C-alpha atoms as a PDB file:
ATOM      1  CA  VAL A   1     -44.190-258.436-178.094  1.00  0.00           C
ATOM      2  CA  GLY A   2     -45.063-261.581-180.090  1.00  0.00           C
ATOM      3  CA  ALA A   3     -46.866-262.155-183.390  1.00  0.00           C
ATOM      4  CA  ALA A   4     -47.056-265.185-185.735  1.00  0.00           C
ATOM      5  CA  GLY A   5     -44.498-267.043-183.652  1.00  0.00           C
ATOM      6  CA  ILE A   6     -41.967-264.195-183.774  1.00  0.00           C
ATOM      7  CA  ASN A   7     -41.020-262.575-180.453  1.00  0.00           C
ATOM      8  CA  SER A   8     -39.255-259.282-179.764  1.00  0.00           C
ATOM      9  CA  GLU A   9     -36.403-258.922-177.356  1.00  0.00           C
ATOM     10  CA  ARG A  10     -37.363-259.052-173.703  1.00  0.00           C
ATOM     11  CA  HIS A  11     -37.491-255.654-171.971  1.00  0.00           C
ATOM     12  CA  VAL A  12     -37.228-254.935-168.247  1.00  0.00           C
ATOM     13  CA  ILE A  13     -39.665-252.761-166.305  1.00  0.00           C
ATOM     14  CA  ARG A  14     -38.271-251.249-163.134  1.00  0.00           C
ATOM     15  CA  VAL A  15     -40.585-249.448-160.719  1.00  0.00           C
ATOM     16  CA  ALA A  16     -39.172-246.791-158.389  1.00  0.00           C
ATOM     17  CA  ASP A  17     -40.923-246.907-155.026  1.00  0.00           C
ATOM     18  CA  LEU A  18     -40.624-243.199-154.239  1.00  0.00           C
ATOM     19  CA  PRO A  19     -42.114-241.500-151.173  1.00  0.00           C
ATOM     20  CA  ARG A  20     -45.438-239.705-151.668  1.00  0.00           C
ATOM     21  CA  VAL A  21     -46.656-236.612-149.833  1.00  0.00           C
ATOM     22  CA  THR A  22     -49.653-237.401-147.634  1.00  0.00           C
ATOM     23  CA  ASP A  23     -50.121-234.056-145.856  1.00  0.00           C
ATOM     24  CA  VAL A  24     -49.128-230.416-146.464  1.00  0.00           C
ATOM     25  CA  LEU A  25     -49.101-227.558-143.935  1.00  0.00           C
ATOM     26  CA  LEU A  26     -48.396-224.007-145.157  1.00  0.00           C
ATOM     27  CA  GLU A  27     -47.399-221.037-142.987  1.00  0.00           C
ATOM     28  CA  TYR A  28     -48.149-217.610-144.474  1.00  0.00           C
ATOM     29  CA  ARG A  29     -45.834-214.761-143.443  1.00  0.00           C
ATOM     30  CA  TYR A  30     -47.242-211.607-144.987  1.00  0.00           C
ATOM     31  CA  PRO A  31     -45.228-208.533-146.038  1.00  0.00           C
ATOM     32  CA  ASP A  32     -44.300-206.332-143.062  1.00  0.00           C
ATOM     33  CA  TRP A  33     -46.458-203.415-144.215  1.00  0.00           C
ATOM     34  CA  THR A  34     -49.645-205.461-143.738  1.00  0.00           C
ATOM     35  CA  GLU A  35     -48.906-205.944-140.008  1.00  0.00           C
ATOM     36  CA  LEU A  36     -50.833-209.237-140.245  1.00  0.00           C
ATOM     37  CA  PRO A  37     -49.829-212.130-137.988  1.00  0.00           C
ATOM     38  CA  ALA A  38     -48.541-215.353-139.518  1.00  0.00           C
ATOM     39  CA  ARG A  39     -51.186-218.003-140.108  1.00  0.00           C
ATOM     40  CA  GLU A  40     -51.294-221.641-141.114  1.00  0.00           C
ATOM     41  CA  ARG A  41     -53.389-223.493-143.668  1.00  0.00           C
ATOM     42  CA  GLN A  42     -53.762-227.236-144.092  1.00  0.00           C
ATOM     43  CA  GLU A  43     -53.851-227.187-147.889  1.00  0.00           C
ATOM     44  CA  GLY A  44     -51.379-226.781-150.715  1.00  0.00           C
ATOM     45  CA  ASP A  45     -53.045-224.187-152.942  1.00  0.00           C
ATOM     46  CA  VAL A  46     -51.694-220.684-152.234  1.00  0.00           C
ATOM     47  CA  THR A  47     -53.668-217.432-152.379  1.00  0.00           C
ATOM     48  CA  ALA A  48     -51.618-214.486-151.124  1.00  0.00           C
ATOM     49  CA  LEU A  49     -50.225-211.007-151.724  1.00  0.00           C
ATOM     50  CA  ALA A  50     -47.042-210.693-153.741  1.00  0.00           C
ATOM     51  CA  GLY A  51     -44.115-210.796-151.327  1.00  0.00           C
ATOM     52  CA  THR A  52     -45.735-213.259-148.926  1.00  0.00           C
ATOM     53  CA  ARG A  53     -43.313-215.934-147.660  1.00  0.00           C
ATOM     54  CA  ILE A  54     -44.777-219.433-147.670  1.00  0.00           C
ATOM     55  CA  GLY A  55     -43.277-221.951-145.250  1.00  0.00           C
ATOM     56  CA  VAL A  56     -43.897-225.558-146.323  1.00  0.00           C
ATOM     57  CA  THR A  57     -44.018-228.593-144.039  1.00  0.00           C
ATOM     58  CA  ALA A  58     -44.919-231.856-145.783  1.00  0.00           C
ATOM     59  CA  THR A  59     -45.370-235.372-144.430  1.00  0.00           C
ATOM     60  CA  THR A  60     -44.562-238.372-146.642  1.00  0.00           C
ATOM     61  CA  ASP A  61     -45.455-242.060-146.456  1.00  0.00           C
ATOM     62  CA  ALA A  62     -41.784-243.122-146.435  1.00  0.00           C
ATOM     63  CA  PRO A  63     -38.456-241.608-145.283  1.00  0.00           C
ATOM     64  CA  LEU A  64     -36.797-239.024-147.529  1.00  0.00           C
ATOM     65  CA  ASP A  65     -33.146-238.743-148.498  1.00  0.00           C
ATOM     66  CA  GLU A  66     -33.684-235.245-149.911  1.00  0.00           C
ATOM     67  CA  ALA A  67     -36.514-232.870-150.761  1.00  0.00           C
ATOM     68  CA  LEU A  68     -36.962-230.115-153.321  1.00  0.00           C
ATOM     69  CA  ILE A  69     -39.617-227.445-153.829  1.00  0.00           C
ATOM     70  CA  VAL A  70     -40.335-226.623-157.477  1.00  0.00           C
ATOM     71  CA  VAL A  71     -42.004-223.232-157.993  1.00  0.00           C
ATOM     72  CA  ASN A  72     -42.901-222.372-161.605  1.00  0.00           C
ATOM     73  CA  GLY A  73     -40.007-224.535-162.777  1.00  0.00           C
ATOM     74  CA  GLU A  74     -37.465-223.077-160.325  1.00  0.00           C
ATOM     75  CA  VAL A  75     -35.954-225.737-158.069  1.00  0.00           C
ATOM     76  CA  LEU A  76     -35.429-224.755-154.409  1.00  0.00           C
ATOM     77  CA  ASP A  77     -33.653-226.827-151.777  1.00  0.00           C
ATOM     78  CA  ALA A  78     -35.679-228.086-148.842  1.00  0.00           C
ATOM     79  CA  ARG A  79     -34.763-229.944-145.655  1.00  0.00           C
ATOM     80  CA  ALA A  80     -35.543-233.665-145.292  1.00  0.00           C
ATOM     81  CA  GLU A  81     -35.740-235.356-141.882  1.00  0.00           C
ATOM     82  CA  GLY A  82     -37.272-238.820-141.815  1.00  0.00           C
ATOM     83  CA  ARG A  83     -40.758-238.480-143.232  1.00  0.00           C
ATOM     84  CA  LEU A  84     -40.823-234.673-142.998  1.00  0.00           C
ATOM     85  CA  ALA A  85     -39.822-232.173-145.678  1.00  0.00           C
ATOM     86  CA  SER A  86     -39.647-228.459-144.922  1.00  0.00           C
ATOM     87  CA  GLY A  87     -38.695-225.358-146.863  1.00  0.00           C
ATOM     88  CA  ALA A  88     -40.035-222.030-148.045  1.00  0.00           C
ATOM     89  CA  PHE A  89     -40.643-219.875-151.092  1.00  0.00           C
ATOM     90  CA  LYS A  90     -41.797-216.323-151.739  1.00  0.00           C
ATOM     91  CA  VAL A  91     -44.918-215.529-153.753  1.00  0.00           C
ATOM     92  CA  LEU A  92     -43.822-213.417-156.715  1.00  0.00           C
ATOM     93  CA  GLU A  93     -46.208-214.443-159.494  1.00  0.00           C
ATOM     94  CA  GLY A  94     -49.047-216.825-160.185  1.00  0.00           C
ATOM     95  CA  GLY A  95     -48.420-220.394-161.296  1.00  0.00           C
ATOM     96  CA  THR A  96     -47.909-223.755-159.598  1.00  0.00           C
ATOM     97  CA  TRP A  97     -45.620-225.448-157.094  1.00  0.00           C
ATOM     98  CA  HIS A  98     -44.934-229.023-155.948  1.00  0.00           C
ATOM     99  CA  LEU A  99     -42.502-231.155-153.958  1.00  0.00           C
ATOM    100  CA  ALA A 100     -39.999-233.375-155.738  1.00  0.00           C
ATOM    101  CA  VAL A 101     -36.974-235.650-155.300  1.00  0.00           C
ATOM    102  CA  ARG A 102     -34.169-236.556-157.664  1.00  0.00           C
ATOM    103  CA  HIS A 103     -34.306-240.095-159.043  1.00  0.00           C
ATOM    104  CA  GLU A 104     -31.496-241.262-161.314  1.00  0.00           C
ATOM    105  CA  GLY A 105     -30.735-237.677-162.294  1.00  0.00           C
ATOM    106  CA  THR A 106     -34.340-236.748-163.043  1.00  0.00           C
ATOM    107  CA  LEU A 107     -36.754-234.665-160.975  1.00  0.00           C
ATOM    108  CA  ALA A 108     -39.665-236.809-159.834  1.00  0.00           C
ATOM    109  CA  ARG A 109     -42.768-235.120-158.453  1.00  0.00           C
ATOM    110  CA  ILE A 110     -43.916-236.639-155.147  1.00  0.00           C
ATOM    111  CA  SER A 111     -46.870-234.353-154.383  1.00  0.00           C
ATOM    112  CA  ASP A 112     -49.876-232.953-156.176  1.00  0.00           C
ATOM    113  CA  SER A 113     -49.323-229.821-158.236  1.00  0.00           C
ATOM    114  CA  TYR A 114     -50.697-226.861-156.299  1.00  0.00           C
ATOM    115  CA  PHE A 115     -51.866-223.502-157.629  1.00  0.00           C
ATOM    116  CA  ILE A 116     -50.375-220.111-156.705  1.00  0.00           C
ATOM    117  CA  ASP A 117     -52.822-217.202-156.983  1.00  0.00           C
ATOM    118  CA  VAL A 118     -51.467-213.680-156.412  1.00  0.00           C
ATOM    119  CA  VAL A 119     -53.984-211.322-154.813  1.00  0.00           C
ATOM    120  CA  ALA A 120     -53.751-207.607-155.600  1.00  0.00           C
ATOM    121  CA  ASP A 121     -53.983-205.148-152.715  1.00  0.00           C
ATOM    122  CA  GLN A 122     -57.202-203.208-153.175  1.00  0.00           C
ATOM    123  CA  PRO A 123     -57.418-199.465-152.413  1.00  0.00           C
ATOM    124  CA  PRO A 124     -59.339-198.412-149.304  1.00  0.00           C
ATOM    125  CA  GLU A 125     -63.028-197.550-149.584  1.00  0.00           C
ATOM    126  CA  LEU A 126     -63.996-194.145-148.215  1.00  0.00           C
ATOM    127  CA  ALA A 127     -67.441-192.815-147.339  1.00  0.00           C
ATOM    128  CA  PHE A 128     -68.673-189.389-146.300  1.00  0.00           C
ATOM    129  CA  SER A 129     -71.187-190.911-143.895  1.00  0.00           C
ATOM    130  CA  TRP A 130     -72.700-187.774-142.320  1.00  0.00           C
ATOM    131  CA  PRO A 131     -74.414-185.693-143.442  1.00  0.00           C
ATOM    132  CA  GLY A 132     -73.503-187.185-146.838  1.00  0.00           C
ATOM    133  CA  HIS A 133     -75.339-184.524-148.873  1.00  0.00           C
ATOM    134  CA  ASP A 134     -75.624-180.770-149.256  1.00  0.00           C
ATOM    135  CA  VAL A 135     -76.867-179.006-146.123  1.00  0.00           C
ATOM    136  CA  GLN A 136     -78.101-175.440-145.694  1.00  0.00           C
ATOM    137  CA  ALA A 137     -76.327-173.789-142.784  1.00  0.00           C
ATOM    138  CA  THR A 138     -76.008-170.327-141.350  1.00  0.00           C
ATOM    139  CA  ALA A 139     -72.684-168.601-140.743  1.00  0.00           C
ATOM    140  CA  ILE A 140     -72.883-169.134-136.964  1.00  0.00           C
ATOM    141  CA  GLU A 141     -73.610-172.878-136.889  1.00  0.00           C
ATOM    142  CA  GLU A 142     -71.409-175.825-136.034  1.00  0.00           C
ATOM    143  CA  ARG A 143     -71.472-178.806-138.402  1.00  0.00           C
ATOM    144  CA  THR A 144     -70.043-182.202-137.501  1.00  0.00           C
ATOM    145  CA  LEU A 145     -68.887-184.315-140.441  1.00  0.00           C
ATOM    146  CA  ARG A 146     -68.436-188.072-140.140  1.00  0.00           C
ATOM    147  CA  PHE A 147     -66.263-190.298-142.302  1.00  0.00           C
ATOM    148  CA  THR A 148     -65.716-194.061-142.540  1.00  0.00           C
ATOM    149  CA  ALA A 149     -62.957-196.008-144.272  1.00  0.00           C
ATOM    150  CA  THR A 150     -62.394-199.735-144.801  1.00  0.00           C
ATOM    151  CA  ASP A 151     -59.399-201.630-146.125  1.00  0.00           C
ATOM    152  CA  ASP A 152     -58.536-205.329-146.188  1.00  0.00           C
ATOM    153  CA  TYR A 153     -55.172-204.660-144.487  1.00  0.00           C
ATOM    154  CA  GLY A 154     -56.203-201.935-142.071  1.00  0.00           C
ATOM    155  CA  ILE A 155     -56.643-198.157-141.885  1.00  0.00           C
ATOM    156  CA  ARG A 156     -53.749-196.319-140.232  1.00  0.00           C
ATOM    157  CA  SER A 157     -54.662-192.679-140.858  1.00  0.00           C
ATOM    158  CA  MET A 158     -57.407-190.457-142.278  1.00  0.00           C
ATOM    159  CA  THR A 159     -56.977-186.859-143.423  1.00  0.00           C
ATOM    160  CA  PHE A 160     -59.821-184.461-144.232  1.00  0.00           C
ATOM    161  CA  TYR A 161     -59.151-181.775-146.870  1.00  0.00           C
ATOM    162  CA  TYR A 162     -61.437-178.809-147.470  1.00  0.00           C
ATOM    163  CA  ALA A 163     -61.429-175.373-149.089  1.00  0.00           C
ATOM    164  CA  VAL A 164     -63.631-172.355-148.265  1.00  0.00           C
ATOM    165  CA  ASN A 165     -65.056-170.307-151.133  1.00  0.00           C
ATOM    166  CA  GLY A 166     -62.375-171.440-153.564  1.00  0.00           C
ATOM    167  CA  GLY A 167     -59.561-170.562-151.174  1.00  0.00           C
ATOM    168  CA  ALA A 168     -56.478-172.578-150.250  1.00  0.00           C
ATOM    169  CA  TRP A 169     -56.895-176.201-149.249  1.00  0.00           C
ATOM    170  CA  GLU A 170     -56.859-176.924-145.525  1.00  0.00           C
ATOM    171  CA  SER A 171     -56.075-180.347-144.040  1.00  0.00           C
ATOM    172  CA  VAL A 172     -57.102-181.941-140.752  1.00  0.00           C
ATOM    173  CA  GLU A 173     -55.630-185.214-139.456  1.00  0.00           C
ATOM    174  CA  LEU A 174     -58.653-187.096-138.145  1.00  0.00           C
ATOM    175  CA  PRO A 175     -58.351-188.960-134.818  1.00  0.00           C
ATOM    176  CA  LEU A 176     -58.693-192.747-135.024  1.00  0.00           C
ATOM    177  CA  PRO A 177     -59.691-194.821-131.992  1.00  0.00           C
ATOM    178  CA  GLY A 178     -58.045-198.176-132.675  1.00  0.00           C
ATOM    179  CA  GLN A 179     -54.399-197.893-133.637  1.00  0.00           C
ATOM    180  CA  SER A 180     -52.659-200.780-131.948  1.00  0.00           C
ATOM    181  CA  PRO A 181     -51.404-203.429-132.083  1.00  0.00           C
ATOM    182  CA  ALA A 182     -52.659-203.671-135.693  1.00  0.00           C
ATOM    183  CA  ALA A 183     -54.688-201.193-137.703  1.00  0.00           C
ATOM    184  CA  PRO A 184     -58.381-202.195-137.790  1.00  0.00           C
ATOM    185  CA  ALA A 185     -59.947-203.016-141.151  1.00  0.00           C
ATOM    186  CA  GLU A 186     -62.656-200.381-140.577  1.00  0.00           C
ATOM    187  CA  GLN A 187     -62.281-196.947-139.006  1.00  0.00           C
ATOM    188  CA  ALA A 188     -64.676-194.081-138.385  1.00  0.00           C
ATOM    189  CA  SER A 189     -63.889-190.508-137.419  1.00  0.00           C
ATOM    190  CA  GLU A 190     -65.450-187.069-137.378  1.00  0.00           C
ATOM    191  CA  HIS A 191     -64.570-183.396-137.477  1.00  0.00           C
ATOM    192  CA  THR A 192     -66.588-180.353-136.426  1.00  0.00           C
ATOM    193  CA  LEU A 193     -66.540-177.206-138.563  1.00  0.00           C
ATOM    194  CA  TYR A 194     -67.224-173.945-136.711  1.00  0.00           C
ATOM    195  CA  LEU A 195     -68.702-171.928-139.536  1.00  0.00           C
ATOM    196  CA  GLU A 196     -68.239-168.551-137.854  1.00  0.00           C
ATOM    197  CA  GLU A 197     -64.466-169.159-138.006  1.00  0.00           C
ATOM    198  CA  LEU A 198     -64.515-169.793-141.757  1.00  0.00           C
ATOM    199  CA  THR A 199     -64.046-166.657-143.847  1.00  0.00           C
END
């Protein structure tokens, strides 16, 4: 800095030429209870259920000596091989994550900062699809009842509960057509009531 013929001391600027992340591939491994297969996404922002394991593979524009994954301030070790960095973290809460290296004892971010959004598991939606309203029936008729259920992570079982004239509750496990390998997101089933048997 100079003014009126007076100059300050000379200061040195040093620029660290650190690698930068050019591409990020994420592998989602969902909690076991979801029975969902692993899937990959070519972006860094994470939207997943709590407990999902996120595998990270990042490509950089220069070779790496080391790599770190920083999740909400927590530093996790990653593996560095040439221009590839790989590691993993588990989704526990919302926040951000990024890749970093250590430079002269300080963490230096080498990727964008990506968001982590935790998705809550929603309860299943149930519908009494047939007849769906009050029906007049005689004591000797048969009445078939139909039910549908949907859930974002699959329906594994449906149970129908009923009581006759204020009596004890009865339960019927409803048959489901598609049970394997993974539970379908939507299921429909039915049960026939033989009214002459109900007293």
